[in-house]
Amino acid sequence: MTENISFENALKELENITIELEKGDISLDKSIELFERGIKLSKICSEKLNNAKQKIISLDEAESEENT
């Protein structure tokens, strides 16, 4: 994913999409469009979380090496 959106904004948009889809009062085409956007946002959030996790692991390892 190369879309430049913060984790927080992606999560908020994903929450809004979920609310819209749960209402059930939108067309099938719009539902599919929102679902596709939700999938993309979900992948963005997952990538950002994985990157953060890797950074924390690296920082923790660096700290551990400094203390030994």
PDB file of N, CA and C in Angstrom:
ATOM      1  N   MET A   1       0.838  -1.188   0.000  1.00  0.00           N
ATOM      2  CA  MET A   1       0.000   0.000   0.000  1.00  0.00           C
ATOM      3  C   MET A   1       0.875   1.241   0.000  1.00  0.00           C
ATOM      4  N   THR A   2       0.581   2.127  -0.869  1.00  0.00           N
ATOM      5  CA  THR A   2       1.371   3.347  -0.930  1.00  0.00           C
ATOM      6  C   THR A   2       0.543   4.581  -0.598  1.00  0.00           C
ATOM      7  N   GLU A   3      -0.701   4.386  -0.236  1.00  0.00           N
ATOM      8  CA  GLU A   3      -1.544   5.529   0.089  1.00  0.00           C
ATOM      9  C   GLU A   3      -1.011   6.215   1.346  1.00  0.00           C
ATOM     10  N   ASN A   4      -0.901   7.537   1.277  1.00  0.00           N
ATOM     11  CA  ASN A   4      -0.355   8.307   2.388  1.00  0.00           C
ATOM     12  C   ASN A   4      -1.497   8.741   3.316  1.00  0.00           C
ATOM     13  N   ILE A   5      -1.835   7.882   4.254  1.00  0.00           N
ATOM     14  CA  ILE A   5      -2.885   8.158   5.230  1.00  0.00           C
ATOM     15  C   ILE A   5      -2.394   7.646   6.581  1.00  0.00           C
ATOM     16  N   SER A   6      -2.676   8.381   7.622  1.00  0.00           N
ATOM     17  CA  SER A   6      -2.233   7.945   8.946  1.00  0.00           C
ATOM     18  C   SER A   6      -3.058   6.733   9.392  1.00  0.00           C
ATOM     19  N   PHE A   7      -2.499   6.008  10.332  1.00  0.00           N
ATOM     20  CA  PHE A   7      -3.205   4.864  10.893  1.00  0.00           C
ATOM     21  C   PHE A   7      -4.541   5.305  11.482  1.00  0.00           C
ATOM     22  N   GLU A   8      -4.497   6.397  12.236  1.00  0.00           N
ATOM     23  CA  GLU A   8      -5.699   6.886  12.904  1.00  0.00           C
ATOM     24  C   GLU A   8      -6.782   7.289  11.900  1.00  0.00           C
ATOM     25  N   ASN A   9      -6.381   7.960  10.829  1.00  0.00           N
ATOM     26  CA  ASN A   9      -7.362   8.364   9.812  1.00  0.00           C
ATOM     27  C   ASN A   9      -7.915   7.162   9.056  1.00  0.00           C
ATOM     28  N   ALA A  10      -7.055   6.207   8.766  1.00  0.00           N
ATOM     29  CA  ALA A  10      -7.507   4.995   8.078  1.00  0.00           C
ATOM     30  C   ALA A  10      -8.489   4.227   8.954  1.00  0.00           C
ATOM     31  N   LEU A  11      -8.186   4.133  10.237  1.00  0.00           N
ATOM     32  CA  LEU A  11      -9.064   3.421  11.158  1.00  0.00           C
ATOM     33  C   LEU A  11     -10.412   4.127  11.294  1.00  0.00           C
ATOM     34  N   LYS A  12     -10.383   5.453  11.379  1.00  0.00           N
ATOM     35  CA  LYS A  12     -11.621   6.220  11.485  1.00  0.00           C
ATOM     36  C   LYS A  12     -12.482   6.039  10.231  1.00  0.00           C
ATOM     37  N   GLU A  13     -11.844   6.097   9.063  1.00  0.00           N
ATOM     38  CA  GLU A  13     -12.593   5.903   7.815  1.00  0.00           C
ATOM     39  C   GLU A  13     -13.163   4.488   7.755  1.00  0.00           C
ATOM     40  N   LEU A  14     -12.401   3.528   8.212  1.00  0.00           N
ATOM     41  CA  LEU A  14     -12.867   2.144   8.232  1.00  0.00           C
ATOM     42  C   LEU A  14     -14.068   1.996   9.170  1.00  0.00           C
ATOM     43  N   GLU A  15     -14.034   2.669  10.303  1.00  0.00           N
ATOM     44  CA  GLU A  15     -15.169   2.647  11.226  1.00  0.00           C
ATOM     45  C   GLU A  15     -16.409   3.261  10.570  1.00  0.00           C
ATOM     46  N   ASN A  16     -16.225   4.366   9.859  1.00  0.00           N
ATOM     47  CA  ASN A  16     -17.353   5.014   9.181  1.00  0.00           C
ATOM     48  C   ASN A  16     -17.941   4.119   8.094  1.00  0.00           C
ATOM     49  N   ILE A  17     -17.083   3.427   7.371  1.00  0.00           N
ATOM     50  CA  ILE A  17     -17.549   2.501   6.337  1.00  0.00           C
ATOM     51  C   ILE A  17     -18.367   1.382   6.973  1.00  0.00           C
ATOM     52  N   THR A  18     -17.883   0.874   8.087  1.00  0.00           N
ATOM     53  CA  THR A  18     -18.598  -0.191   8.790  1.00  0.00           C
ATOM     54  C   THR A  18     -19.990   0.270   9.198  1.00  0.00           C
ATOM     55  N   ILE A  19     -20.071   1.472   9.726  1.00  0.00           N
ATOM     56  CA  ILE A  19     -21.376   2.031  10.126  1.00  0.00           C
ATOM     57  C   ILE A  19     -22.305   2.125   8.921  1.00  0.00           C
ATOM     58  N   GLU A  20     -21.797   2.636   7.805  1.00  0.00           N
ATOM     59  CA  GLU A  20     -22.613   2.768   6.590  1.00  0.00           C
ATOM     60  C   GLU A  20     -23.100   1.410   6.095  1.00  0.00           C
ATOM     61  N   LEU A  21     -22.202   0.425   6.081  1.00  0.00           N
ATOM     62  CA  LEU A  21     -22.591  -0.897   5.601  1.00  0.00           C
ATOM     63  C   LEU A  21     -23.605  -1.556   6.533  1.00  0.00           C
ATOM     64  N   GLU A  22     -23.472  -1.322   7.828  1.00  0.00           N
ATOM     65  CA  GLU A  22     -24.396  -1.927   8.789  1.00  0.00           C
ATOM     66  C   GLU A  22     -25.800  -1.334   8.702  1.00  0.00           C
ATOM     67  N   LYS A  23     -25.896  -0.100   8.249  1.00  0.00           N
ATOM     68  CA  LYS A  23     -27.214   0.530   8.099  1.00  0.00           C
ATOM     69  C   LYS A  23     -28.064  -0.244   7.096  1.00  0.00           C
ATOM     70  N   GLY A  24     -27.422  -0.701   6.030  1.00  0.00           N
ATOM     71  CA  GLY A  24     -28.124  -1.502   5.035  1.00  0.00           C
ATOM     72  C   GLY A  24     -29.030  -0.733   4.096  1.00  0.00           C
ATOM     73  N   ASP A  25     -28.924   0.582   4.094  1.00  0.00           N
ATOM     74  CA  ASP A  25     -29.824   1.369   3.249  1.00  0.00           C
ATOM     75  C   ASP A  25     -29.116   1.994   2.050  1.00  0.00           C
ATOM     76  N   ILE A  26     -28.061   1.355   1.583  1.00  0.00           N
ATOM     77  CA  ILE A  26     -27.341   1.858   0.407  1.00  0.00           C
ATOM     78  C   ILE A  26     -27.418   0.815  -0.700  1.00  0.00           C
ATOM     79  N   SER A  27     -27.164   1.269  -1.904  1.00  0.00           N
ATOM     80  CA  SER A  27     -27.274   0.375  -3.062  1.00  0.00           C
ATOM     81  C   SER A  27     -26.187  -0.696  -3.027  1.00  0.00           C
ATOM     82  N   LEU A  28     -26.417  -1.733  -3.800  1.00  0.00           N
ATOM     83  CA  LEU A  28     -25.451  -2.819  -3.902  1.00  0.00           C
ATOM     84  C   LEU A  28     -24.123  -2.291  -4.440  1.00  0.00           C
ATOM     85  N   ASP A  29     -24.181  -1.458  -5.477  1.00  0.00           N
ATOM     86  CA  ASP A  29     -22.954  -0.906  -6.050  1.00  0.00           C
ATOM     87  C   ASP A  29     -22.173  -0.094  -5.026  1.00  0.00           C
ATOM     88  N   LYS A  30     -22.882   0.734  -4.268  1.00  0.00           N
ATOM     89  CA  LYS A  30     -22.225   1.545  -3.231  1.00  0.00           C
ATOM     90  C   LYS A  30     -21.664   0.644  -2.138  1.00  0.00           C
ATOM     91  N   SER A  31     -22.388  -0.404  -1.790  1.00  0.00           N
ATOM     92  CA  SER A  31     -21.910  -1.350  -0.778  1.00  0.00           C
ATOM     93  C   SER A  31     -20.609  -2.009  -1.215  1.00  0.00           C
ATOM     94  N   ILE A  32     -20.564  -2.412  -2.468  1.00  0.00           N
ATOM     95  CA  ILE A  32     -19.356  -3.047  -2.996  1.00  0.00           C
ATOM     96  C   ILE A  32     -18.192  -2.051  -3.006  1.00  0.00           C
ATOM     97  N   GLU A  33     -18.475  -0.826  -3.410  1.00  0.00           N
ATOM     98  CA  GLU A  33     -17.453   0.220  -3.419  1.00  0.00           C
ATOM     99  C   GLU A  33     -16.902   0.455  -2.006  1.00  0.00           C
ATOM    100  N   LEU A  34     -17.788   0.552  -1.040  1.00  0.00           N
ATOM    101  CA  LEU A  34     -17.356   0.758   0.342  1.00  0.00           C
ATOM    102  C   LEU A  34     -16.591  -0.449   0.877  1.00  0.00           C
ATOM    103  N   PHE A  35     -17.059  -1.639   0.526  1.00  0.00           N
ATOM    104  CA  PHE A  35     -16.383  -2.851   0.959  1.00  0.00           C
ATOM    105  C   PHE A  35     -14.956  -2.907   0.407  1.00  0.00           C
ATOM    106  N   GLU A  36     -14.802  -2.567  -0.865  1.00  0.00           N
ATOM    107  CA  GLU A  36     -13.468  -2.550  -1.478  1.00  0.00           C
ATOM    108  C   GLU A  36     -12.566  -1.543  -0.771  1.00  0.00           C
ATOM    109  N   ARG A  37     -13.099  -0.364  -0.472  1.00  0.00           N
ATOM    110  CA  ARG A  37     -12.328   0.656   0.242  1.00  0.00           C
ATOM    111  C   ARG A  37     -11.968   0.153   1.645  1.00  0.00           C
ATOM    112  N   GLY A  38     -12.902  -0.528   2.282  1.00  0.00           N
ATOM    113  CA  GLY A  38     -12.643  -1.089   3.608  1.00  0.00           C
ATOM    114  C   GLY A  38     -11.513  -2.105   3.597  1.00  0.00           C
ATOM    115  N   ILE A  39     -11.489  -2.945   2.575  1.00  0.00           N
ATOM    116  CA  ILE A  39     -10.413  -3.933   2.440  1.00  0.00           C
ATOM    117  C   ILE A  39      -9.072  -3.210   2.308  1.00  0.00           C
ATOM    118  N   LYS A  40      -9.025  -2.178   1.467  1.00  0.00           N
ATOM    119  CA  LYS A  40      -7.793  -1.417   1.272  1.00  0.00           C
ATOM    120  C   LYS A  40      -7.342  -0.764   2.578  1.00  0.00           C
ATOM    121  N   LEU A  41      -8.278  -0.156   3.292  1.00  0.00           N
ATOM    122  CA  LEU A  41      -7.941   0.494   4.560  1.00  0.00           C
ATOM    123  C   LEU A  41      -7.474  -0.526   5.596  1.00  0.00           C
ATOM    124  N   SER A  42      -8.100  -1.684   5.609  1.00  0.00           N
ATOM    125  CA  SER A  42      -7.701  -2.739   6.526  1.00  0.00           C
ATOM    126  C   SER A  42      -6.256  -3.161   6.273  1.00  0.00           C
ATOM    127  N   LYS A  43      -5.887  -3.282   5.011  1.00  0.00           N
ATOM    128  CA  LYS A  43      -4.509  -3.648   4.658  1.00  0.00           C
ATOM    129  C   LYS A  43      -3.530  -2.546   5.073  1.00  0.00           C
ATOM    130  N   ILE A  44      -3.927  -1.297   4.873  1.00  0.00           N
ATOM    131  CA  ILE A  44      -3.087  -0.169   5.271  1.00  0.00           C
ATOM    132  C   ILE A  44      -2.853  -0.213   6.784  1.00  0.00           C
ATOM    133  N   CYS A  45      -3.925  -0.399   7.552  1.00  0.00           N
ATOM    134  CA  CYS A  45      -3.803  -0.457   9.009  1.00  0.00           C
ATOM    135  C   CYS A  45      -2.902  -1.622   9.429  1.00  0.00           C
ATOM    136  N   SER A  46      -3.095  -2.754   8.809  1.00  0.00           N
ATOM    137  CA  SER A  46      -2.293  -3.923   9.141  1.00  0.00           C
ATOM    138  C   SER A  46      -0.810  -3.674   8.859  1.00  0.00           C
ATOM    139  N   GLU A  47      -0.506  -3.085   7.710  1.00  0.00           N
ATOM    140  CA  GLU A  47       0.882  -2.779   7.371  1.00  0.00           C
ATOM    141  C   GLU A  47       1.487  -1.796   8.373  1.00  0.00           C
ATOM    142  N   LYS A  48       0.731  -0.771   8.737  1.00  0.00           N
ATOM    143  CA  LYS A  48       1.235   0.224   9.685  1.00  0.00           C
ATOM    144  C   LYS A  48       1.475  -0.402  11.056  1.00  0.00           C
ATOM    145  N   LEU A  49       0.589  -1.288  11.484  1.00  0.00           N
ATOM    146  CA  LEU A  49       0.787  -1.975  12.755  1.00  0.00           C
ATOM    147  C   LEU A  49       2.011  -2.887  12.706  1.00  0.00           C
ATOM    148  N   ASN A  50       2.178  -3.599  11.620  1.00  0.00           N
ATOM    149  CA  ASN A  50       3.345  -4.468  11.468  1.00  0.00           C
ATOM    150  C   ASN A  50       4.636  -3.663  11.465  1.00  0.00           C
ATOM    151  N   ASN A  51       4.629  -2.517  10.781  1.00  0.00           N
ATOM    152  CA  ASN A  51       5.813  -1.660  10.767  1.00  0.00           C
ATOM    153  C   ASN A  51       6.132  -1.139  12.163  1.00  0.00           C
ATOM    154  N   ALA A  52       5.109  -0.752  12.895  1.00  0.00           N
ATOM    155  CA  ALA A  52       5.311  -0.271  14.258  1.00  0.00           C
ATOM    156  C   ALA A  52       5.858  -1.394  15.143  1.00  0.00           C
ATOM    157  N   LYS A  53       5.319  -2.575  14.977  1.00  0.00           N
ATOM    158  CA  LYS A  53       5.781  -3.729  15.754  1.00  0.00           C
ATOM    159  C   LYS A  53       7.251  -3.998  15.470  1.00  0.00           C
ATOM    160  N   GLN A  54       7.631  -3.983  14.199  1.00  0.00           N
ATOM    161  CA  GLN A  54       9.026  -4.224  13.829  1.00  0.00           C
ATOM    162  C   GLN A  54       9.943  -3.159  14.415  1.00  0.00           C
ATOM    163  N   LYS A  55       9.488  -1.914  14.403  1.00  0.00           N
ATOM    164  CA  LYS A  55      10.292  -0.833  14.958  1.00  0.00           C
ATOM    165  C   LYS A  55      10.488  -1.024  16.460  1.00  0.00           C
ATOM    166  N   ILE A  56       9.430  -1.404  17.156  1.00  0.00           N
ATOM    167  CA  ILE A  56       9.516  -1.645  18.599  1.00  0.00           C
ATOM    168  C   ILE A  56      10.464  -2.802  18.886  1.00  0.00           C
ATOM    169  N   ILE A  57      10.372  -3.860  18.112  1.00  0.00           N
ATOM    170  CA  ILE A  57      11.265  -5.003  18.287  1.00  0.00           C
ATOM    171  C   ILE A  57      12.708  -4.573  18.075  1.00  0.00           C
ATOM    172  N   SER A  58      12.957  -3.800  17.030  1.00  0.00           N
ATOM    173  CA  SER A  58      14.317  -3.324  16.751  1.00  0.00           C
ATOM    174  C   SER A  58      14.840  -2.445  17.882  1.00  0.00           C
ATOM    175  N   LEU A  59      14.002  -1.545  18.372  1.00  0.00           N
ATOM    176  CA  LEU A  59      14.414  -0.676  19.476  1.00  0.00           C
ATOM    177  C   LEU A  59      14.691  -1.489  20.735  1.00  0.00           C
ATOM    178  N   ASP A  60      13.855  -2.480  20.987  1.00  0.00           N
ATOM    179  CA  ASP A  60      14.036  -3.335  22.156  1.00  0.00           C
ATOM    180  C   ASP A  60      15.335  -4.128  22.047  1.00  0.00           C
ATOM    181  N   GLU A  61      15.614  -4.647  20.863  1.00  0.00           N
ATOM    182  CA  GLU A  61      16.855  -5.400  20.646  1.00  0.00           C
ATOM    183  C   GLU A  61      18.073  -4.500  20.801  1.00  0.00           C
ATOM    184  N   ALA A  62      17.987  -3.279  20.282  1.00  0.00           N
ATOM    185  CA  ALA A  62      19.089  -2.339  20.407  1.00  0.00           C
ATOM    186  C   ALA A  62      19.320  -1.992  21.868  1.00  0.00           C
ATOM    187  N   GLU A  63      18.248  -1.806  22.619  1.00  0.00           N
ATOM    188  CA  GLU A  63      18.355  -1.511  24.054  1.00  0.00           C
ATOM    189  C   GLU A  63      18.978  -2.665  24.791  1.00  0.00           C
ATOM    190  N   SER A  64      18.570  -3.873  24.441  1.00  0.00           N
ATOM    191  CA  SER A  64      19.119  -5.070  25.081  1.00  0.00           C
ATOM    192  C   SER A  64      20.621  -5.206  24.818  1.00  0.00           C
ATOM    193  N   GLU A  65      21.029  -4.914  23.590  1.00  0.00           N
ATOM    194  CA  GLU A  65      22.452  -4.985  23.228  1.00  0.00           C
ATOM    195  C   GLU A  65      23.269  -3.949  23.988  1.00  0.00           C
ATOM    196  N   GLU A  66      22.713  -2.779  24.201  1.00  0.00           N
ATOM    197  CA  GLU A  66      23.405  -1.721  24.941  1.00  0.00           C
ATOM    198  C   GLU A  66      23.586  -2.103  26.400  1.00  0.00           C
ATOM    199  N   ASN A  67      22.675  -2.879  26.938  1.00  0.00           N
ATOM    200  CA  ASN A  67      22.728  -3.243  28.358  1.00  0.00           C
ATOM    201  C   ASN A  67      23.525  -4.494  28.629  1.00  0.00           C
ATOM    202  N   THR A  68      24.059  -5.108  27.587  1.00  0.00           N
ATOM    203  CA  THR A  68      24.868  -6.322  27.811  1.00  0.00           C
ATOM    204  C   THR A  68      26.322  -6.058  27.642  1.00  0.00           C
TER     205      THR A  68
END
